[in-house]
Amino acid sequence: MRAARFEVMAELEGMAARLCARRIERESIERLEDTLRACERYATAGDADGYYYANADFHGVVSEACGNEYLRQQAHALKRALQPYRRLQLRVPDRMRRSLAEHRAIADAIVAGDAEAAENAARDHVLVQVKEFSQLVRTWRHLTDSARDAG
């Protein structure tokens, strides 16, 4: 069930990034860059909670700058449903650094006006979360099984 929701979220994020690459204005580019700097600060500090909020700001700028209010509303509703899973995957080792690189690829494509690259980068960025969350669940199960066997 979660994987299906992430697949839909990936398409919505991809569409928003594609539209954003076509429509973004200078002021929003500056806000996008500000959010990337915040993500970088939190990733460098190893602060997953801070990164989570900066990440939400990054995606919010893309969503707002895409110019499609209905798309923004639908994506926001689905993000709220996926919030616990999106937040947990940031605990996977090295995930924040990789997420930051994915954000940079999305932003670069948007600023360059490359709608196709922006769409693909944004879609892939969300789909990787399915893998990250699955890895986290496997690790957690392994740890709980090991603790149960040891006790």
Protein backbone atom coordinates (compact mmCIF):
# COMPACT_ATOMS: atom_id res chain seq x y z
CA MET A 1 0.00 0.00 0.00
CA ARG A 2 2.74 2.49 0.92
CA ALA A 3 4.67 1.68 -2.24
CA ALA A 4 1.61 2.50 -4.38
CA ARG A 5 1.24 5.86 -2.63
CA PHE A 6 4.91 6.66 -3.18
CA GLU A 7 4.52 5.80 -6.87
CA VAL A 8 1.67 8.31 -7.16
CA MET A 9 3.66 10.86 -5.15
CA ALA A 10 6.61 10.36 -7.52
CA GLU A 11 4.41 11.19 -10.50
CA LEU A 12 2.94 14.26 -8.82
CA GLU A 13 6.39 15.53 -7.81
CA GLY A 14 7.69 14.84 -11.31
CA MET A 15 4.82 16.76 -12.87
CA ALA A 16 5.33 19.69 -10.49
CA ALA A 17 9.05 19.84 -11.31
CA ARG A 18 8.33 19.70 -15.06
CA LEU A 19 5.85 22.56 -14.83
CA CYS A 20 8.15 24.47 -12.49
CA ALA A 21 11.00 24.28 -15.01
CA ARG A 22 8.71 25.97 -17.53
CA ARG A 23 7.21 28.57 -15.21
CA ILE A 24 9.55 29.42 -12.34
CA GLU A 25 10.26 33.09 -11.74
CA ARG A 26 13.45 34.71 -10.44
CA GLU A 27 12.11 35.19 -6.91
CA SER A 28 11.25 31.49 -6.63
CA ILE A 29 14.69 30.49 -7.95
CA GLU A 30 16.22 32.46 -5.09
CA ARG A 31 13.92 30.73 -2.57
CA LEU A 32 14.81 27.36 -4.09
CA GLU A 33 18.51 28.11 -3.61
CA ASP A 34 17.85 29.22 -0.02
CA THR A 35 16.16 25.90 0.74
CA LEU A 36 19.09 24.00 -0.76
CA ARG A 37 21.50 25.89 1.49
CA ALA A 38 19.36 25.02 4.51
CA CYS A 39 19.28 21.35 3.48
CA GLU A 40 23.05 21.42 3.16
CA ARG A 41 23.49 22.91 6.63
CA TYR A 42 21.30 20.26 8.24
CA ALA A 43 22.85 17.41 6.26
CA THR A 44 26.34 18.56 7.26
CA ALA A 45 25.26 18.76 10.90
CA GLY A 46 23.65 15.32 10.73
CA ASP A 47 20.35 16.85 11.85
CA ALA A 48 17.63 14.64 10.30
CA ASP A 49 14.79 16.61 11.88
CA GLY A 50 16.10 19.94 10.62
CA TYR A 51 16.72 18.38 7.21
CA TYR A 52 13.17 17.05 7.12
CA TYR A 53 11.74 20.57 7.45
CA ALA A 54 14.21 22.10 4.99
CA ASN A 55 13.35 19.27 2.58
CA ALA A 56 9.66 20.12 2.94
CA ASP A 57 10.47 23.76 2.17
CA PHE A 58 12.40 22.73 -0.97
CA HIS A 59 9.50 20.66 -2.25
CA GLY A 60 7.09 23.43 -1.27
CA VAL A 61 8.89 25.95 -3.46
CA VAL A 62 8.75 23.56 -6.42
CA SER A 63 5.08 22.89 -5.78
CA GLU A 64 4.19 26.59 -5.50
CA ALA A 65 6.28 27.62 -8.50
CA CYS A 66 4.72 25.00 -10.77
CA GLY A 67 1.69 27.25 -11.12
CA ASN A 68 -0.91 24.49 -10.73
CA GLU A 69 -2.91 24.92 -7.52
CA TYR A 70 -4.85 21.67 -7.93
CA LEU A 71 -1.64 19.70 -8.33
CA ARG A 72 -0.19 21.46 -5.28
CA GLN A 73 -3.23 20.56 -3.17
CA GLN A 74 -3.24 16.91 -4.22
CA ALA A 75 0.49 16.53 -3.60
CA HIS A 76 0.18 18.20 -0.20
CA ALA A 77 -2.59 15.81 0.89
CA LEU A 78 -0.58 12.78 -0.17
CA LYS A 79 2.58 14.11 1.49
CA ARG A 80 0.70 14.38 4.77
CA ALA A 81 -0.35 10.72 4.50
CA LEU A 82 3.25 9.69 3.77
CA GLN A 83 4.85 12.01 6.34
CA PRO A 84 5.92 9.35 8.88
CA TYR A 85 7.60 7.25 6.20
CA ARG A 86 9.29 10.19 4.52
CA ARG A 87 10.69 11.31 7.85
CA LEU A 88 11.97 7.89 8.90
CA GLN A 89 13.91 7.26 5.69
CA LEU A 90 16.18 10.19 6.55
CA ARG A 91 17.59 8.00 9.34
CA VAL A 92 19.10 5.61 6.80
CA PRO A 93 22.88 6.12 6.81
CA ASP A 94 24.06 8.65 4.20
CA ARG A 95 20.48 9.37 3.06
CA MET A 96 20.60 13.10 3.77
CA ARG A 97 23.76 13.55 1.70
CA ARG A 98 22.25 11.61 -1.20
CA SER A 99 18.94 13.45 -0.87
CA LEU A 100 20.80 16.76 -1.05
CA ALA A 101 22.50 15.67 -4.28
CA GLU A 102 19.10 14.67 -5.68
CA HIS A 103 17.70 18.08 -4.71
CA ARG A 104 20.62 19.76 -6.47
CA ALA A 105 19.89 17.80 -9.67
CA ILE A 106 16.22 18.80 -9.53
CA ALA A 107 17.05 22.46 -8.90
CA ASP A 108 19.70 22.58 -11.62
CA ALA A 109 17.26 21.15 -14.17
CA ILE A 110 14.53 23.59 -13.11
CA VAL A 111 16.83 26.62 -13.30
CA ALA A 112 18.09 25.45 -16.71
CA GLY A 113 14.50 25.15 -17.93
CA ASP A 114 15.01 21.46 -18.70
CA ALA A 115 11.50 20.21 -17.96
CA GLU A 116 12.20 16.57 -18.83
CA ALA A 117 15.32 16.34 -16.66
CA ALA A 118 13.51 18.09 -13.79
CA GLU A 119 10.61 15.67 -14.03
CA ASN A 120 12.86 12.60 -14.12
CA ALA A 121 15.05 13.80 -11.26
CA ALA A 122 12.05 14.62 -9.05
CA ARG A 123 10.33 11.31 -9.82
CA ASP A 124 13.48 9.33 -9.08
CA HIS A 125 14.03 11.30 -5.87
CA VAL A 126 10.66 10.17 -4.52
CA LEU A 127 10.93 6.59 -5.76
CA VAL A 128 14.22 6.11 -3.93
CA GLN A 129 12.28 6.68 -0.70
CA VAL A 130 10.46 3.39 -1.23
CA LYS A 131 13.81 1.60 -1.27
CA GLU A 132 15.12 3.58 1.70
CA PHE A 133 12.05 2.88 3.79
CA SER A 134 12.13 -0.81 2.88
CA GLN A 135 15.81 -0.96 3.92
CA LEU A 136 14.98 0.72 7.21
CA VAL A 137 12.20 -1.79 7.92
CA ARG A 138 14.50 -4.73 7.10
CA THR A 139 17.19 -3.36 9.43
CA TRP A 140 14.67 -2.80 12.21
CA ARG A 141 13.30 -6.36 11.83
CA HIS A 142 16.82 -7.77 11.89
CA LEU A 143 17.63 -5.84 15.06
CA THR A 144 14.42 -6.85 16.82
CA ASP A 145 14.86 -10.49 15.75
CA SER A 146 18.47 -10.46 17.02
CA ALA A 147 17.41 -8.92 20.34
CA ARG A 148 14.62 -11.48 20.74
CA ASP A 149 17.00 -14.39 19.95
CA ALA A 150 19.59 -13.05 22.40
CA GLY A 151 17.00 -12.62 25.20
